[in-house]
C-alpha atoms as a PDB file:
ATOM      1  CA  MET A   1      -3.859 -12.212  -9.933  1.00  0.00           C
ATOM      2  CA  THR A   2      -7.260 -13.446 -11.115  1.00  0.00           C
ATOM      3  CA  GLN A   3      -8.901 -11.543  -8.262  1.00  0.00           C
ATOM      4  CA  TYR A   4      -7.368  -8.296  -9.438  1.00  0.00           C
ATOM      5  CA  LEU A   5      -8.458  -8.886 -13.041  1.00  0.00           C
ATOM      6  CA  GLU A   6     -12.000  -9.799 -11.867  1.00  0.00           C
ATOM      7  CA  LEU A   7     -12.148  -6.459 -10.013  1.00  0.00           C
ATOM      8  CA  CYS A   8     -10.964  -4.593 -13.177  1.00  0.00           C
ATOM      9  CA  ARG A   9     -13.598  -6.391 -15.274  1.00  0.00           C
ATOM     10  CA  ARG A  10     -16.280  -5.665 -12.669  1.00  0.00           C
ATOM     11  CA  ILE A  11     -15.507  -1.952 -12.800  1.00  0.00           C
ATOM     12  CA  VAL A  12     -15.576  -1.863 -16.603  1.00  0.00           C
ATOM     13  CA  GLU A  13     -18.816  -3.842 -16.843  1.00  0.00           C
ATOM     14  CA  GLU A  14     -20.761  -2.728 -13.742  1.00  0.00           C
ATOM     15  CA  GLY A  15     -19.154   0.490 -12.601  1.00  0.00           C
ATOM     16  CA  VAL A  16     -21.076   3.808 -12.256  1.00  0.00           C
ATOM     17  CA  TRP A  17     -19.644   7.022 -13.501  1.00  0.00           C
ATOM     18  CA  ILE A  18     -19.086   9.485 -10.640  1.00  0.00           C
ATOM     19  CA  GLU A  19     -17.665  13.010 -10.723  1.00  0.00           C
ATOM     20  CA  ASN A  20     -14.544  13.495  -8.668  1.00  0.00           C
ATOM     21  CA  ASP A  21     -14.162  17.011  -7.296  1.00  0.00           C
ATOM     22  CA  ARG A  22     -10.446  16.748  -6.360  1.00  0.00           C
ATOM     23  CA  THR A  23      -9.295  15.820  -9.879  1.00  0.00           C
ATOM     24  CA  GLY A  24     -12.119  17.238 -11.966  1.00  0.00           C
ATOM     25  CA  LYS A  25     -12.454  13.888 -13.773  1.00  0.00           C
ATOM     26  CA  ARG A  26     -15.139  11.220 -13.817  1.00  0.00           C
ATOM     27  CA  CYS A  27     -14.471   7.818 -12.201  1.00  0.00           C
ATOM     28  CA  LYS A  28     -16.108   4.507 -13.058  1.00  0.00           C
ATOM     29  CA  THR A  29     -16.739   3.177  -9.586  1.00  0.00           C
ATOM     30  CA  VAL A  30     -17.872   0.080  -7.688  1.00  0.00           C
ATOM     31  CA  ILE A  31     -18.324  -0.273  -3.915  1.00  0.00           C
ATOM     32  CA  ASN A  32     -16.764  -3.046  -1.817  1.00  0.00           C
ATOM     33  CA  ALA A  33     -14.302  -5.612  -3.059  1.00  0.00           C
ATOM     34  CA  THR A  34     -12.165  -8.061  -1.087  1.00  0.00           C
ATOM     35  CA  MET A  35      -9.145  -9.825  -2.396  1.00  0.00           C
ATOM     36  CA  THR A  36      -7.512 -12.603  -0.348  1.00  0.00           C
ATOM     37  CA  TYR A  37      -3.885 -13.664  -0.774  1.00  0.00           C
ATOM     38  CA  ASN A  38      -2.745 -17.093   0.392  1.00  0.00           C
ATOM     39  CA  VAL A  39       0.661 -15.885   1.506  1.00  0.00           C
ATOM     40  CA  GLY A  40       1.418 -19.002   3.459  1.00  0.00           C
ATOM     41  CA  ALA A  41       1.064 -21.042   0.192  1.00  0.00           C
ATOM     42  CA  GLY A  42       3.586 -18.833  -1.576  1.00  0.00           C
ATOM     43  CA  GLU A  43       1.031 -16.801  -3.490  1.00  0.00           C
ATOM     44  CA  CYS A  44       2.589 -13.493  -4.551  1.00  0.00           C
ATOM     45  CA  PRO A  45      -0.141 -11.162  -5.990  1.00  0.00           C
ATOM     46  CA  LEU A  46       2.094  -9.422  -8.582  1.00  0.00           C
ATOM     47  CA  ASP A  47       0.352  -8.404 -11.833  1.00  0.00           C
ATOM     48  CA  THR A  48       1.677 -10.403 -14.780  1.00  0.00           C
ATOM     49  CA  THR A  49      -0.579  -8.766 -17.389  1.00  0.00           C
ATOM     50  CA  ARG A  50       1.812  -5.817 -17.446  1.00  0.00           C
ATOM     51  CA  LYS A  51       5.162  -5.017 -15.989  1.00  0.00           C
ATOM     52  CA  SER A  52       4.756  -3.994 -12.329  1.00  0.00           C
ATOM     53  CA  TYR A  53       7.415  -2.037 -10.517  1.00  0.00           C
ATOM     54  CA  TRP A  54       7.300  -4.039  -7.322  1.00  0.00           C
ATOM     55  CA  LYS A  55      10.514  -2.583  -5.895  1.00  0.00           C
ATOM     56  CA  GLN A  56       8.892   0.848  -5.782  1.00  0.00           C
ATOM     57  CA  ALA A  57       5.934  -0.642  -3.852  1.00  0.00           C
ATOM     58  CA  ILE A  58       8.318  -2.146  -1.345  1.00  0.00           C
ATOM     59  CA  ALA A  59      10.349   1.049  -1.107  1.00  0.00           C
ATOM     60  CA  GLU A  60       7.191   3.015  -0.258  1.00  0.00           C
ATOM     61  CA  ALA A  61       6.221   0.449   2.356  1.00  0.00           C
ATOM     62  CA  LEU A  62       9.671   0.677   3.926  1.00  0.00           C
ATOM     63  CA  GLY A  63       9.295   4.444   4.022  1.00  0.00           C
ATOM     64  CA  TYR A  64       6.024   4.096   5.876  1.00  0.00           C
ATOM     65  CA  LEU A  65       7.560   1.692   8.379  1.00  0.00           C
ATOM     66  CA  ARG A  66      10.321   4.239   9.015  1.00  0.00           C
ATOM     67  CA  GLY A  67       7.923   7.169   9.425  1.00  0.00           C
ATOM     68  CA  TYR A  68       9.129   9.216   6.483  1.00  0.00           C
ATOM     69  CA  SER A  69       7.584  12.643   5.999  1.00  0.00           C
ATOM     70  CA  SER A  70       9.478  13.879   2.892  1.00  0.00           C
ATOM     71  CA  ALA A  71       9.277  12.877  -0.780  1.00  0.00           C
ATOM     72  CA  ALA A  72      13.079  13.184  -0.793  1.00  0.00           C
ATOM     73  CA  GLN A  73      13.420  10.418   1.712  1.00  0.00           C
ATOM     74  CA  PHE A  74      11.266   8.170  -0.497  1.00  0.00           C
ATOM     75  CA  ARG A  75      13.293   9.015  -3.546  1.00  0.00           C
ATOM     76  CA  ALA A  76      16.494   8.091  -1.745  1.00  0.00           C
ATOM     77  CA  ILE A  77      15.248   4.463  -1.388  1.00  0.00           C
ATOM     78  CA  GLY A  78      13.893   4.258  -4.955  1.00  0.00           C
ATOM     79  CA  CYS A  79      10.289   5.500  -4.695  1.00  0.00           C
ATOM     80  CA  ARG A  80       8.951   8.566  -6.541  1.00  0.00           C
ATOM     81  CA  THR A  81       5.245   8.092  -5.813  1.00  0.00           C
ATOM     82  CA  TRP A  82       5.137  11.051  -3.394  1.00  0.00           C
ATOM     83  CA  ASP A  83       6.796  13.677  -5.648  1.00  0.00           C
ATOM     84  CA  GLU A  84       3.501  14.989  -7.112  1.00  0.00           C
ATOM     85  CA  ASN A  85       1.497  14.894  -3.931  1.00  0.00           C
ATOM     86  CA  ALA A  86       4.263  16.740  -2.059  1.00  0.00           C
ATOM     87  CA  ASN A  87       5.077  19.258  -4.797  1.00  0.00           C
ATOM     88  CA  GLY A  88       2.199  19.342  -7.291  1.00  0.00           C
ATOM     89  CA  ASN A  89      -0.915  19.376  -5.123  1.00  0.00           C
ATOM     90  CA  GLU A  90      -2.174  22.971  -5.351  1.00  0.00           C
ATOM     91  CA  SER A  91      -4.147  22.885  -2.063  1.00  0.00           C
ATOM     92  CA  TRP A  92      -1.090  21.531  -0.225  1.00  0.00           C
ATOM     93  CA  LEU A  93       1.210  24.108  -1.787  1.00  0.00           C
ATOM     94  CA  LYS A  94      -1.051  26.827  -0.322  1.00  0.00           C
ATOM     95  CA  ASN A  95      -1.238  25.170   3.119  1.00  0.00           C
ATOM     96  CA  SER A  96       0.612  27.048   5.831  1.00  0.00           C
ATOM     97  CA  ALA A  97       1.532  23.715   7.490  1.00  0.00           C
ATOM     98  CA  ARG A  98       3.767  22.805   4.528  1.00  0.00           C
ATOM     99  CA  LYS A  99       7.398  23.112   5.508  1.00  0.00           C
ATOM    100  CA  GLY A 100       8.848  23.481   2.011  1.00  0.00           C
ATOM    101  CA  GLU A 101       9.845  21.430  -0.984  1.00  0.00           C
ATOM    102  CA  ASP A 102       9.117  17.677  -0.737  1.00  0.00           C
ATOM    103  CA  ASP A 103       7.357  18.016   2.632  1.00  0.00           C
ATOM    104  CA  MET A 104       4.404  15.577   2.894  1.00  0.00           C
ATOM    105  CA  GLY A 105       3.247  16.636   6.331  1.00  0.00           C
ATOM    106  CA  ARG A 106       1.801  14.252   8.908  1.00  0.00           C
ATOM    107  CA  VAL A 107       0.646  11.396   6.655  1.00  0.00           C
ATOM    108  CA  TYR A 108       0.943   7.646   6.590  1.00  0.00           C
ATOM    109  CA  GLY A 109       4.181   6.624   8.293  1.00  0.00           C
ATOM    110  CA  VAL A 110       4.279   9.721  10.479  1.00  0.00           C
ATOM    111  CA  GLN A 111       0.994   8.639  11.974  1.00  0.00           C
ATOM    112  CA  LEU A 112       2.253   5.118  12.254  1.00  0.00           C
ATOM    113  CA  ARG A 113       5.396   5.965  14.223  1.00  0.00           C
ATOM    114  CA  ASP A 114       4.444   9.290  15.880  1.00  0.00           C
ATOM    115  CA  TRP A 115       0.689   9.421  16.630  1.00  0.00           C
ATOM    116  CA  ARG A 116       0.079  12.441  18.816  1.00  0.00           C
ATOM    117  CA  THR A 117      -2.257  12.294  21.783  1.00  0.00           C
ATOM    118  CA  PRO A 118      -4.267  15.302  23.040  1.00  0.00           C
ATOM    119  CA  GLU A 119      -1.687  15.588  25.858  1.00  0.00           C
ATOM    120  CA  GLY A 120       1.147  15.900  23.278  1.00  0.00           C
ATOM    121  CA  LYS A 121       2.589  12.486  23.849  1.00  0.00           C
ATOM    122  CA  SER A 122       3.799  10.228  20.974  1.00  0.00           C
ATOM    123  CA  ILE A 123       2.554   6.730  20.295  1.00  0.00           C
ATOM    124  CA  ASP A 124       4.641   4.371  18.197  1.00  0.00           C
ATOM    125  CA  GLN A 125       1.900   2.022  16.906  1.00  0.00           C
ATOM    126  CA  LEU A 126       4.295  -0.237  14.944  1.00  0.00           C
ATOM    127  CA  ARG A 127       6.608  -0.936  17.861  1.00  0.00           C
ATOM    128  CA  LYS A 128       3.728  -2.006  20.072  1.00  0.00           C
ATOM    129  CA  VAL A 129       2.391  -4.467  17.444  1.00  0.00           C
ATOM    130  CA  VAL A 130       5.850  -5.875  16.663  1.00  0.00           C
ATOM    131  CA  SER A 131       6.552  -6.386  20.409  1.00  0.00           C
ATOM    132  CA  ASN A 132       3.221  -8.161  21.015  1.00  0.00           C
ATOM    133  CA  LEU A 133       3.428 -10.434  17.974  1.00  0.00           C
ATOM    134  CA  SER A 134       7.062 -11.319  18.819  1.00  0.00           C
ATOM    135  CA  ALA A 135       5.869 -12.403  22.265  1.00  0.00           C
ATOM    136  CA  GLY A 136       2.967 -14.456  20.814  1.00  0.00           C
ATOM    137  CA  ILE A 137       0.427 -11.957  22.012  1.00  0.00           C
ATOM    138  CA  ASP A 138      -2.763 -10.930  20.128  1.00  0.00           C
ATOM    139  CA  ASP A 139      -4.931  -8.565  22.236  1.00  0.00           C
ATOM    140  CA  ARG A 140      -7.465  -8.277  19.347  1.00  0.00           C
ATOM    141  CA  GLY A 141      -6.166  -4.778  18.856  1.00  0.00           C
ATOM    142  CA  GLU A 142      -2.959  -5.372  16.902  1.00  0.00           C
ATOM    143  CA  ILE A 143      -3.890  -2.470  14.665  1.00  0.00           C
ATOM    144  CA  LEU A 144      -1.864  -0.027  12.590  1.00  0.00           C
ATOM    145  CA  SER A 145      -3.852   3.075  11.655  1.00  0.00           C
ATOM    146  CA  PHE A 146      -2.857   5.900   9.382  1.00  0.00           C
ATOM    147  CA  TYR A 147      -6.306   7.574   9.536  1.00  0.00           C
ATOM    148  CA  ASN A 148      -6.215  10.597  11.849  1.00  0.00           C
ATOM    149  CA  PRO A 149      -9.062  13.075  10.943  1.00  0.00           C
ATOM    150  CA  GLY A 150      -7.704  15.547  13.476  1.00  0.00           C
ATOM    151  CA  GLU A 151      -4.584  16.016  11.454  1.00  0.00           C
ATOM    152  CA  PHE A 152      -5.795  15.847   7.874  1.00  0.00           C
ATOM    153  CA  HIS A 153      -5.102  19.518   7.471  1.00  0.00           C
ATOM    154  CA  LEU A 154      -1.402  18.855   8.386  1.00  0.00           C
ATOM    155  CA  GLY A 155      -0.735  16.556   5.421  1.00  0.00           C
ATOM    156  CA  CYS A 156      -0.808  16.515   1.662  1.00  0.00           C
ATOM    157  CA  LEU A 157      -3.153  13.601   1.266  1.00  0.00           C
ATOM    158  CA  ARG A 158      -5.607  11.594   3.337  1.00  0.00           C
ATOM    159  CA  PRO A 159      -4.532   7.946   3.574  1.00  0.00           C
ATOM    160  CA  CYS A 160      -6.092   5.591   1.029  1.00  0.00           C
ATOM    161  CA  MET A 161      -5.086   2.257   2.593  1.00  0.00           C
ATOM    162  CA  HIS A 162      -5.668   3.296   6.214  1.00  0.00           C
ATOM    163  CA  THR A 163      -5.952   0.306   8.572  1.00  0.00           C
ATOM    164  CA  HIS A 164      -3.986  -2.940   9.000  1.00  0.00           C
ATOM    165  CA  GLN A 165      -5.021  -5.432  11.702  1.00  0.00           C
ATOM    166  CA  PHE A 166      -2.923  -8.479  12.542  1.00  0.00           C
ATOM    167  CA  SER A 167      -4.419 -11.619  14.078  1.00  0.00           C
ATOM    168  CA  LEU A 168      -2.343 -14.450  15.588  1.00  0.00           C
ATOM    169  CA  LEU A 169      -3.622 -18.040  15.780  1.00  0.00           C
ATOM    170  CA  GLY A 170      -0.796 -20.016  17.368  1.00  0.00           C
ATOM    171  CA  ASP A 171       2.152 -19.087  15.148  1.00  0.00           C
ATOM    172  CA  GLN A 172      -0.030 -18.361  12.116  1.00  0.00           C
ATOM    173  CA  LEU A 173      -0.197 -14.623  11.334  1.00  0.00           C
ATOM    174  CA  TYR A 174      -3.142 -13.112   9.447  1.00  0.00           C
ATOM    175  CA  LEU A 175      -3.567  -9.603   8.124  1.00  0.00           C
ATOM    176  CA  THR A 176      -6.709  -7.649   7.311  1.00  0.00           C
ATOM    177  CA  SER A 177      -6.118  -4.409   5.375  1.00  0.00           C
ATOM    178  CA  ILE A 178      -8.794  -1.817   4.696  1.00  0.00           C
ATOM    179  CA  GLN A 179      -8.524   0.733   1.877  1.00  0.00           C
ATOM    180  CA  ARG A 180     -11.068   3.562   1.527  1.00  0.00           C
ATOM    181  CA  SER A 181     -10.221   4.346  -2.094  1.00  0.00           C
ATOM    182  CA  MET A 182      -8.256   2.677  -4.898  1.00  0.00           C
ATOM    183  CA  ASP A 183      -7.147   3.950  -8.309  1.00  0.00           C
ATOM    184  CA  VAL A 184      -7.307   0.375  -9.650  1.00  0.00           C
ATOM    185  CA  PRO A 185      -5.218   0.713 -12.814  1.00  0.00           C
ATOM    186  CA  LEU A 186      -2.329   2.587 -11.215  1.00  0.00           C
ATOM    187  CA  GLY A 187      -2.504   1.855  -7.465  1.00  0.00           C
ATOM    188  CA  GLY A 188      -4.239  -1.498  -7.375  1.00  0.00           C
ATOM    189  CA  ASN A 189      -1.378  -3.893  -7.858  1.00  0.00           C
ATOM    190  CA  PHE A 190       0.993  -1.540  -6.058  1.00  0.00           C
ATOM    191  CA  ASN A 191      -1.318  -1.814  -3.016  1.00  0.00           C
ATOM    192  CA  GLN A 192      -1.718  -5.587  -3.388  1.00  0.00           C
ATOM    193  CA  MET A 193       2.043  -6.015  -3.162  1.00  0.00           C
ATOM    194  CA  GLN A 194       2.226  -3.818  -0.098  1.00  0.00           C
ATOM    195  CA  VAL A 195      -0.423  -5.804   1.756  1.00  0.00           C
ATOM    196  CA  TYR A 196       1.391  -8.984   0.809  1.00  0.00           C
ATOM    197  CA  PHE A 197       4.762  -7.496   1.802  1.00  0.00           C
ATOM    198  CA  LEU A 198       3.479  -6.213   5.105  1.00  0.00           C
ATOM    199  CA  LEU A 199       2.259  -9.679   6.180  1.00  0.00           C
ATOM    200  CA  VAL A 200       5.363 -11.444   4.938  1.00  0.00           C
ATOM    201  CA  ILE A 201       7.825  -9.046   6.605  1.00  0.00           C
ATOM    202  CA  MET A 202       5.916  -8.770   9.906  1.00  0.00           C
ATOM    203  CA  ALA A 203       5.777 -12.534  10.168  1.00  0.00           C
ATOM    204  CA  HIS A 204       9.459 -12.730   9.360  1.00  0.00           C
ATOM    205  CA  ILE A 205      10.642 -10.262  12.042  1.00  0.00           C
ATOM    206  CA  THR A 206       8.291 -11.528  14.729  1.00  0.00           C
ATOM    207  CA  GLY A 207       9.041 -15.261  14.338  1.00  0.00           C
ATOM    208  CA  ASN A 208       5.636 -16.194  13.024  1.00  0.00           C
ATOM    209  CA  LYS A 209       4.377 -17.874   9.790  1.00  0.00           C
ATOM    210  CA  PRO A 210       2.404 -15.830   7.308  1.00  0.00           C
ATOM    211  CA  ALA A 211      -1.075 -17.190   6.618  1.00  0.00           C
ATOM    212  CA  LEU A 212      -3.755 -15.206   4.766  1.00  0.00           C
ATOM    213  CA  ALA A 213      -3.956 -11.498   3.887  1.00  0.00           C
ATOM    214  CA  SER A 214      -7.427 -10.089   3.300  1.00  0.00           C
ATOM    215  CA  HIS A 215      -7.402  -6.780   1.337  1.00  0.00           C
ATOM    216  CA  HIS A 216     -10.750  -4.915   1.487  1.00  0.00           C
ATOM    217  CA  VAL A 217     -11.344  -1.953  -0.793  1.00  0.00           C
ATOM    218  CA  VAL A 218     -14.393   0.242  -0.244  1.00  0.00           C
ATOM    219  CA  ASN A 219     -14.361   2.563  -3.288  1.00  0.00           C
ATOM    220  CA  ALA A 220     -12.639   0.938  -6.280  1.00  0.00           C
ATOM    221  CA  HIS A 221     -12.472   3.044  -9.430  1.00  0.00           C
ATOM    222  CA  LEU A 222     -10.726   3.945 -12.651  1.00  0.00           C
ATOM    223  CA  TYR A 223     -10.544   7.439 -14.127  1.00  0.00           C
ATOM    224  CA  GLU A 224     -12.156   8.258 -17.507  1.00  0.00           C
ATOM    225  CA  ASP A 225      -8.731   8.761 -19.182  1.00  0.00           C
ATOM    226  CA  GLN A 226      -7.763   5.204 -18.038  1.00  0.00           C
ATOM    227  CA  TYR A 227     -10.956   3.485 -19.233  1.00  0.00           C
ATOM    228  CA  GLN A 228     -10.040   2.618 -22.822  1.00  0.00           C
ATOM    229  CA  LEU A 229      -6.609   1.273 -21.849  1.00  0.00           C
ATOM    230  CA  MET A 230      -8.219  -0.943 -19.252  1.00  0.00           C
ATOM    231  CA  LYS A 231     -11.021  -2.160 -21.560  1.00  0.00           C
ATOM    232  CA  ASP A 232      -9.134  -2.533 -24.838  1.00  0.00           C
ATOM    233  CA  VAL A 233      -5.613  -3.446 -23.751  1.00  0.00           C
ATOM    234  CA  HIS A 234      -5.267  -4.646 -20.164  1.00  0.00           C
ATOM    235  CA  LEU A 235      -8.298  -6.945 -20.034  1.00  0.00           C
ATOM    236  CA  LYS A 236      -7.387  -8.552 -23.346  1.00  0.00           C
ATOM    237  CA  ARG A 237      -4.241 -10.091 -21.880  1.00  0.00           C
ATOM    238  CA  GLU A 238      -3.820 -13.524 -20.385  1.00  0.00           C
ATOM    239  CA  PRO A 239      -1.974 -13.712 -16.982  1.00  0.00           C
ATOM    240  CA  PHE A 240       1.164 -15.786 -16.432  1.00  0.00           C
ATOM    241  CA  PRO A 241       1.743 -17.903 -13.280  1.00  0.00           C
ATOM    242  CA  CYS A 242       2.465 -16.127  -9.992  1.00  0.00           C
ATOM    243  CA  PRO A 243       6.118 -15.471  -9.157  1.00  0.00           C
ATOM    244  CA  THR A 244       7.767 -16.269  -5.850  1.00  0.00           C
ATOM    245  CA  PHE A 245       9.118 -13.774  -3.298  1.00  0.00           C
ATOM    246  CA  GLU A 246      12.288 -14.043  -1.148  1.00  0.00           C
ATOM    247  CA  ILE A 247      13.562 -12.073   1.848  1.00  0.00           C
ATOM    248  CA  ASN A 248      17.210 -11.535   2.729  1.00  0.00           C
ATOM    249  CA  PRO A 249      17.620 -13.860   5.718  1.00  0.00           C
ATOM    250  CA  ASP A 250      19.913 -11.309   7.391  1.00  0.00           C
ATOM    251  CA  ILE A 251      16.825  -9.206   8.085  1.00  0.00           C
ATOM    252  CA  LYS A 252      15.765 -10.200  11.572  1.00  0.00           C
ATOM    253  CA  THR A 253      14.404  -7.181  13.464  1.00  0.00           C
ATOM    254  CA  LEU A 254      12.398  -3.966  13.211  1.00  0.00           C
ATOM    255  CA  GLU A 255      15.639  -2.156  13.713  1.00  0.00           C
ATOM    256  CA  ASP A 256      17.052  -3.747  10.558  1.00  0.00           C
ATOM    257  CA  LEU A 257      14.072  -2.428   8.601  1.00  0.00           C
ATOM    258  CA  GLU A 258      14.565   0.997  10.123  1.00  0.00           C
ATOM    259  CA  THR A 259      18.258   1.263   9.214  1.00  0.00           C
ATOM    260  CA  TRP A 260      20.012  -0.721   6.484  1.00  0.00           C
ATOM    261  CA  VAL A 261      17.359  -2.669   4.571  1.00  0.00           C
ATOM    262  CA  THR A 262      16.674  -1.585   0.925  1.00  0.00           C
ATOM    263  CA  PRO A 263      14.365  -2.974  -1.793  1.00  0.00           C
ATOM    264  CA  ASP A 264      17.383  -4.895  -3.092  1.00  0.00           C
ATOM    265  CA  ASP A 265      17.080  -7.124  -0.039  1.00  0.00           C
ATOM    266  CA  PHE A 266      14.013  -8.683  -1.614  1.00  0.00           C
ATOM    267  CA  LYS A 267      13.822 -10.842  -4.661  1.00  0.00           C
ATOM    268  CA  VAL A 268      11.038 -11.902  -7.044  1.00  0.00           C
ATOM    269  CA  THR A 269      11.772 -14.961  -9.154  1.00  0.00           C
ATOM    270  CA  GLY A 270       9.875 -16.476 -12.047  1.00  0.00           C
ATOM    271  CA  TYR A 271       8.261 -13.124 -12.922  1.00  0.00           C
ATOM    272  CA  GLN A 272       6.920 -13.343 -16.467  1.00  0.00           C
ATOM    273  CA  HIS A 273       4.917 -10.332 -17.567  1.00  0.00           C
ATOM    274  CA  HIS A 274       3.424  -8.476 -20.533  1.00  0.00           C
ATOM    275  CA  ASP A 275       4.626  -4.994 -21.551  1.00  0.00           C
ATOM    276  CA  PRO A 276       3.997  -2.021 -19.274  1.00  0.00           C
ATOM    277  CA  ILE A 277       0.756   0.040 -19.646  1.00  0.00           C
ATOM    278  CA  ASP A 278       1.187   3.808 -19.349  1.00  0.00           C
ATOM    279  CA  TYR A 279      -1.961   4.689 -17.372  1.00  0.00           C
ATOM    280  CA  PRO A 280      -2.438   8.480 -16.700  1.00  0.00           C
ATOM    281  CA  PHE A 281      -1.958   9.644 -13.117  1.00  0.00           C
ATOM    282  CA  SER A 282      -4.441  12.085 -11.464  1.00  0.00           C
ATOM    283  CA  VAL A 283      -3.186  14.325  -8.650  1.00  0.00           C
END
């Protein structure tokens, strides 16, 4: 939690104002920040300086793991974060690759579960990594990548958090996640929870113990219409202690995650928080 607030404060105090062509707004920006979560010690990086909707973050992560390509699929499991990008992004609405309402195209989970080779074959990146980690194998390439420049034109949004690499030392599982761009007020804690969740759930279904998750952000920013809320409200609040996170023990396999698991199969206890902060969203 303190690492997140330190990043927020760094942006406010040291950030440089940069014009953003996609949104038409200025962003206060810093380059390179790494947050490390001691997952094995029970550290759950959930923001306590405002109410965070952690179930939505987990719902979105589940949708990625399932290879969802429609905002309707995400809504069905309790996540509305793709509604605007699927249906309110003007460039995507004009794209001939768009298949209709709620279509997201070949983004995130589609690349994860159905990466297309030049020969037209499909690669399921997730199943390979789960299989290796379950067998105690780390070939130094236990990597999940959403970043496919050859298919950017086939999706509504380039991936922000684009690479996850797992490393196994004995039965200790580590995760390094790389994010090219972060809307820190809105997406920051959402993304923190997803990095945390990905390490916890992958360790759980592969029979390993979660160790450390390293979350590296290249371009960390806040938009000009978020600045005053961050400076005058968010950073004035004192954090509460970190909560704890629990997984339904009936979850045992990747197939469970693909079929019956919902955000209700996870529990956060001891979550004290301040009131929500209504940060503006930029499409």
